[in-house]
Protein backbone atom coordinates (compact mmCIF):
# COMPACT_ATOMS: atom_id res chain seq x y z
CA MET A 1 0.00 0.00 0.00
CA LYS A 2 2.83 2.39 0.88
CA THR A 3 4.45 1.66 -2.47
CA ILE A 4 1.19 2.38 -4.30
CA MET A 5 0.72 5.67 -2.44
CA LYS A 6 4.32 6.69 -3.11
CA ASN A 7 4.02 5.93 -6.83
CA ALA A 8 0.71 7.80 -7.04
CA LEU A 9 2.18 10.84 -5.31
CA LEU A 10 5.25 10.77 -7.53
CA GLY A 11 3.06 10.52 -10.62
CA SER A 12 0.93 13.46 -9.46
CA ALA A 13 4.00 15.59 -8.76
CA MET A 14 5.47 14.80 -12.17
CA THR A 15 2.16 15.54 -13.89
CA LEU A 16 1.85 18.88 -12.11
CA ALA A 17 5.43 19.79 -12.95
CA THR A 18 4.82 18.96 -16.61
CA SER A 19 1.58 20.96 -16.60
CA ALA A 20 3.39 24.02 -15.24
CA ALA A 21 6.31 23.63 -17.63
CA ILE A 22 3.94 23.37 -20.62
CA ALA A 23 1.27 25.75 -19.40
CA ALA A 24 -2.02 26.21 -21.19
CA PRO A 25 -2.92 29.62 -22.61
CA ILE A 26 -4.00 32.12 -19.96
CA THR A 27 -7.04 34.39 -20.13
CA VAL A 28 -7.31 37.44 -17.86
CA ALA A 29 -10.11 40.00 -18.28
CA GLY A 30 -10.71 38.80 -21.84
CA VAL A 31 -7.05 38.85 -22.93
CA THR A 32 -5.54 35.47 -23.86
CA TRP A 33 -1.86 34.63 -24.30
CA ASP A 34 0.54 31.68 -24.28
CA PRO A 35 3.08 31.90 -21.40
CA ASP A 36 5.45 29.44 -23.11
CA GLN A 37 6.80 31.41 -26.05
CA PRO A 38 10.35 30.45 -27.18
CA PHE A 39 13.38 32.77 -27.06
CA ILE A 40 11.48 35.79 -25.70
CA ASP A 41 9.07 34.64 -22.99
CA PHE A 42 6.76 37.63 -23.36
CA ALA A 43 6.60 40.62 -25.72
CA ALA A 44 3.93 43.18 -26.59
CA GLN A 45 4.14 45.64 -29.48
CA ALA A 46 2.03 48.78 -29.84
CA ALA A 47 1.49 52.02 -31.70
CA VAL A 48 2.25 55.05 -29.50
CA TYR A 49 1.03 58.66 -29.64
CA GLU A 50 2.59 61.20 -27.29
CA THR A 51 3.16 64.85 -26.47
CA ASN A 52 6.23 67.00 -27.12
CA VAL A 53 8.47 68.00 -24.23
CA ASN A 54 10.73 71.05 -24.29
CA ASN A 55 12.07 71.79 -20.83
CA ILE A 56 13.06 70.24 -17.51
CA GLY A 57 9.89 69.66 -15.50
CA ASP A 58 7.68 69.07 -18.55
CA ASN A 59 5.35 66.07 -18.35
CA LEU A 60 5.41 63.56 -21.18
CA TYR A 61 2.01 61.96 -21.75
CA GLY A 62 0.99 59.35 -24.26
CA ILE A 63 -1.56 56.73 -25.24
CA GLY A 64 -1.53 53.69 -27.49
CA LYS A 65 -3.10 50.43 -28.59
CA VAL A 66 -1.46 46.99 -28.41
CA SER A 67 -1.26 45.29 -31.81
CA GLN A 68 0.79 42.18 -30.90
CA PHE A 69 0.62 40.29 -27.62
CA ASN A 70 3.12 37.46 -27.24
CA GLY A 71 3.16 36.63 -30.92
CA GLN A 72 -0.60 36.93 -31.46
CA ASN A 73 -2.45 39.69 -33.27
CA GLU A 74 -5.50 41.42 -31.81
CA SER A 75 -8.02 39.04 -33.40
CA SER A 76 -6.39 36.22 -31.43
CA PHE A 77 -5.36 37.72 -28.07
CA CYS A 78 -8.39 40.00 -27.69
CA PRO A 79 -11.04 38.89 -30.22
CA SER A 80 -13.92 40.81 -28.65
CA CYS A 81 -12.04 43.63 -26.99
CA GLN A 82 -9.15 46.07 -27.29
CA LEU A 83 -6.05 46.47 -25.11
CA THR A 84 -5.05 50.12 -24.82
CA PHE A 85 -2.80 52.10 -22.50
CA GLU A 86 -1.67 55.48 -21.24
CA PHE A 87 1.70 56.48 -19.81
CA GLY A 88 3.57 59.42 -18.38
CA TYR A 89 7.02 60.67 -17.36
CA THR A 90 8.61 63.90 -16.11
CA VAL A 91 11.69 65.42 -17.74
CA SER A 92 14.48 65.65 -15.14
CA GLU A 93 17.59 66.46 -17.22
CA ILE A 94 18.46 67.55 -20.77
CA GLY A 95 21.90 67.64 -22.40
CA ASP A 96 24.48 65.90 -24.56
CA PHE A 97 25.66 63.73 -21.70
CA ASP A 98 27.56 61.20 -23.82
CA THR A 99 29.12 63.99 -25.98
CA ASN A 100 28.09 62.37 -29.26
CA GLY A 101 26.43 65.48 -30.69
CA THR A 102 22.82 64.50 -29.96
CA ILE A 103 20.45 65.55 -27.18
CA ASP A 104 19.77 63.15 -24.31
CA VAL A 105 16.59 63.46 -22.23
CA ILE A 106 16.34 61.83 -18.80
CA PHE A 107 12.86 61.07 -17.44
CA THR A 108 11.65 60.14 -13.94
CA ASP A 109 8.26 59.40 -12.30
CA GLY A 110 7.34 56.88 -14.98
CA TRP A 111 4.01 55.04 -15.03
CA LEU A 112 2.08 52.90 -17.51
CA LYS A 113 -1.49 51.57 -17.33
CA PHE A 114 -3.14 49.02 -19.64
CA TYR A 115 -6.92 48.82 -20.01
CA VAL A 116 -9.20 46.14 -21.51
CA ASP A 117 -12.37 47.42 -23.09
CA SER A 118 -15.15 45.49 -24.85
CA SER A 119 -15.45 48.42 -27.23
CA THR A 120 -13.07 48.72 -30.21
CA SER A 121 -13.40 52.49 -30.50
CA PHE A 122 -9.76 53.49 -29.96
CA ASP A 123 -9.03 56.82 -31.67
CA PHE A 124 -5.70 58.54 -31.03
CA THR A 125 -7.34 61.94 -31.56
CA ASP A 126 -9.46 61.28 -28.45
CA ALA A 127 -7.33 60.13 -25.49
CA SER A 128 -10.42 59.10 -23.49
CA THR A 129 -10.84 56.07 -25.80
CA ALA A 130 -7.55 54.67 -24.46
CA ILE A 131 -8.34 54.79 -20.75
CA ASP A 132 -11.81 53.27 -20.44
CA GLY A 133 -12.41 49.69 -19.41
CA THR A 134 -10.86 47.33 -16.84
CA LEU A 135 -7.37 48.00 -15.49
CA PHE A 136 -5.42 45.05 -16.91
CA LEU A 137 -1.90 45.91 -15.76
CA GLU A 138 -0.34 48.86 -13.92
CA LEU A 139 3.40 49.52 -14.04
CA ALA A 140 5.74 52.02 -12.37
CA GLY A 141 9.05 53.22 -13.75
CA HIS A 142 12.08 51.38 -12.33
CA GLU A 143 15.02 53.66 -11.56
CA ASP A 144 18.19 52.65 -13.38
CA PHE A 145 21.67 54.02 -14.12
CA ASP A 146 23.06 54.53 -17.63
CA PRO A 147 26.88 54.35 -17.46
CA LEU A 148 27.34 55.95 -20.90
CA LEU A 149 25.33 58.98 -19.85
CA GLY A 150 26.36 58.90 -16.21
CA LYS A 151 22.72 59.56 -15.29
CA THR A 152 19.96 57.94 -13.26
CA GLY A 153 16.34 57.82 -14.40
CA ASP A 154 13.28 55.75 -15.32
CA LEU A 155 13.58 56.39 -19.06
CA PHE A 156 16.55 57.44 -21.20
CA GLY A 157 15.64 59.20 -24.44
CA GLU A 158 17.87 60.39 -27.26
CA LEU A 159 16.95 62.59 -30.21
CA ASP A 160 18.20 61.70 -33.65
CA ALA A 161 21.05 63.79 -35.05
CA GLY A 162 19.92 67.23 -36.15
CA PHE A 163 16.84 67.41 -33.92
CA ALA A 164 16.33 69.66 -30.89
CA LEU A 165 13.58 69.79 -28.27
CA THR A 166 12.77 73.37 -29.24
CA ASP A 167 11.91 72.30 -32.80
CA ASN A 168 8.59 70.78 -31.66
CA ASN A 169 9.08 68.02 -34.25
CA GLU A 170 11.19 65.67 -32.16
CA GLU A 171 12.42 62.35 -33.51
CA GLY A 172 14.34 59.65 -31.66
CA GLU A 173 14.05 56.70 -29.33
CA GLY A 174 13.97 55.76 -25.66
CA SER A 175 14.45 52.83 -23.28
CA GLY A 176 13.80 52.02 -19.64
CA LEU A 177 12.51 49.52 -17.08
CA PHE A 178 9.15 48.94 -15.38
CA ASP A 179 7.87 47.21 -12.23
CA VAL A 180 4.41 45.68 -11.84
CA VAL A 181 2.31 47.43 -9.19
CA GLY A 182 -1.28 46.35 -9.91
CA GLY A 183 -4.03 45.35 -12.31
CA ALA A 184 -5.97 42.16 -13.06
CA ALA A 185 -2.91 40.46 -14.59
CA ALA A 186 -0.37 41.63 -12.00
CA ALA A 187 0.27 38.14 -10.59
CA ASN A 188 1.13 36.84 -14.06
CA PHE A 189 3.80 39.45 -14.80
CA ASP A 190 5.31 40.32 -11.40
CA THR A 191 8.39 38.16 -12.07
CA ASN A 192 11.47 40.29 -11.23
CA THR A 193 13.49 38.75 -14.07
CA LYS A 194 15.05 41.85 -15.65
CA ASP A 195 18.38 43.37 -14.61
CA ASP A 196 19.18 47.00 -13.92
CA PHE A 197 22.73 48.37 -13.80
CA PHE A 198 23.20 47.46 -10.14
CA ASN A 199 21.38 44.16 -9.62
CA GLU A 200 20.11 41.07 -11.38
CA ASN A 201 16.44 40.06 -11.46
CA VAL A 202 14.94 43.19 -9.94
CA ALA A 203 12.60 44.66 -12.61
CA ASP A 204 9.67 43.14 -14.50
CA PHE A 205 9.86 44.68 -17.99
CA ASN A 206 12.24 46.23 -20.49
CA PHE A 207 10.63 49.05 -22.48
CA THR A 208 11.80 50.54 -25.78
CA SER A 209 10.13 53.10 -28.02
CA SER A 210 10.60 55.30 -31.06
CA PHE A 211 8.89 58.59 -31.91
CA GLN A 212 8.56 61.12 -34.74
CA PRO A 213 6.14 63.92 -35.75
CA PHE A 214 2.82 63.12 -37.40
CA SER A 215 3.39 62.83 -41.14
CA THR A 216 1.00 65.73 -41.76
CA GLY A 217 2.09 67.72 -38.71
CA GLY A 218 -0.34 69.20 -36.22
CA VAL A 219 -1.36 68.48 -32.65
CA THR A 220 -4.49 66.68 -31.36
CA ASN A 221 -6.90 68.30 -28.91
CA ASP A 222 -5.15 66.32 -26.16
CA GLY A 223 -1.76 67.76 -27.12
CA LEU A 224 -0.42 64.64 -28.83
CA ALA A 225 2.08 65.55 -31.55
CA LEU A 226 4.32 62.50 -32.00
CA VAL A 227 3.70 58.97 -33.26
CA GLY A 228 5.85 55.86 -32.95
CA THR A 229 6.09 52.28 -31.80
CA SER A 230 6.89 50.61 -28.50
CA GLU A 231 7.83 47.16 -27.24
CA LEU A 232 7.45 45.77 -23.74
CA ILE A 233 9.52 42.64 -23.02
CA GLY A 234 9.26 40.58 -19.86
CA ASP A 235 8.28 37.18 -18.55
CA SER A 236 4.92 35.56 -17.99
CA VAL A 237 4.08 32.87 -15.46
CA PRO A 238 1.17 30.38 -15.36
CA GLU A 239 -1.81 30.97 -13.13
CA PRO A 240 -0.67 31.29 -9.47
CA GLY A 241 -3.07 28.48 -8.50
CA MET A 242 -1.27 26.02 -10.76
CA LEU A 243 2.10 26.97 -9.29
CA ALA A 244 0.76 26.51 -5.76
CA LEU A 245 -0.69 23.13 -6.66
CA MET A 246 2.58 22.01 -8.21
CA GLY A 247 4.46 23.17 -5.13
CA ALA A 248 2.15 21.25 -2.82
CA GLY A 249 2.62 18.08 -4.84
CA LEU A 250 6.39 18.37 -4.87
CA LEU A 251 6.52 19.14 -1.15
CA GLY A 252 4.40 16.05 -0.47
CA PHE A 253 6.72 13.91 -2.56
CA THR A 254 9.76 15.32 -0.72
CA ALA A 255 8.15 14.55 2.65
CA MET A 256 7.45 10.98 1.55
CA ARG A 257 11.08 10.50 0.48
CA ARG A 258 12.38 11.86 3.79
CA ARG A 259 10.06 9.58 5.74
CA LYS A 260 11.28 6.55 3.80
CA ASN A 261 14.93 7.44 4.38
CA SER A 262 14.37 7.85 8.12
CA ILE A 263 12.95 4.35 8.52
């Protein structure tokens, strides 16, 4: 009987471990994704629309809509909804800190919020269409240090050669880190698997973006004047309940082995 129980427990533990290693697609608030993507565990791509900034203390604000979610397009990851977001930063420093002839912009106080909405009415000329619905994921900027710039911030932006903040037609790119702080999917993405300059496995996401003026110029009623793309790269874990179940099975198997060895 003991042998049968031991074999059953071992089989359960192995089944649970396999189930967690090859996790089924996850659905949270209507958004579905596969947590077992190869090479890059999780990645989301989006179109971004944002304001100009000109001076230290200016607030960068932007909105966007996710077009790719872990390798799936919108018709697959959100077939009856849309996944939109808003974000913001504050300009803390401006200068050519790496002396390469281009302008560097350091941002702090970063935040990013994703929303799931059953409507598909996103319109970049109306920022309110990006912030309605259920809060899917809330992120806060993770402070990091850039050794090339010698500066600390949540986001490090650089204008392309020949562009200046005072031109009001900025073009360039940016990068930074984020931490999960809330939202319906927080437990699935709060992984602490990304490195900053000082420590390993302390942030949840890497963030990169590009920006340029609207092709026809102009500014929306919400002050948005730039358009670009963004990518959020991190890690995704199976449902917390599955992990807990797997852990309980493995702990039970370990206890059984210890009991056998003590006899």
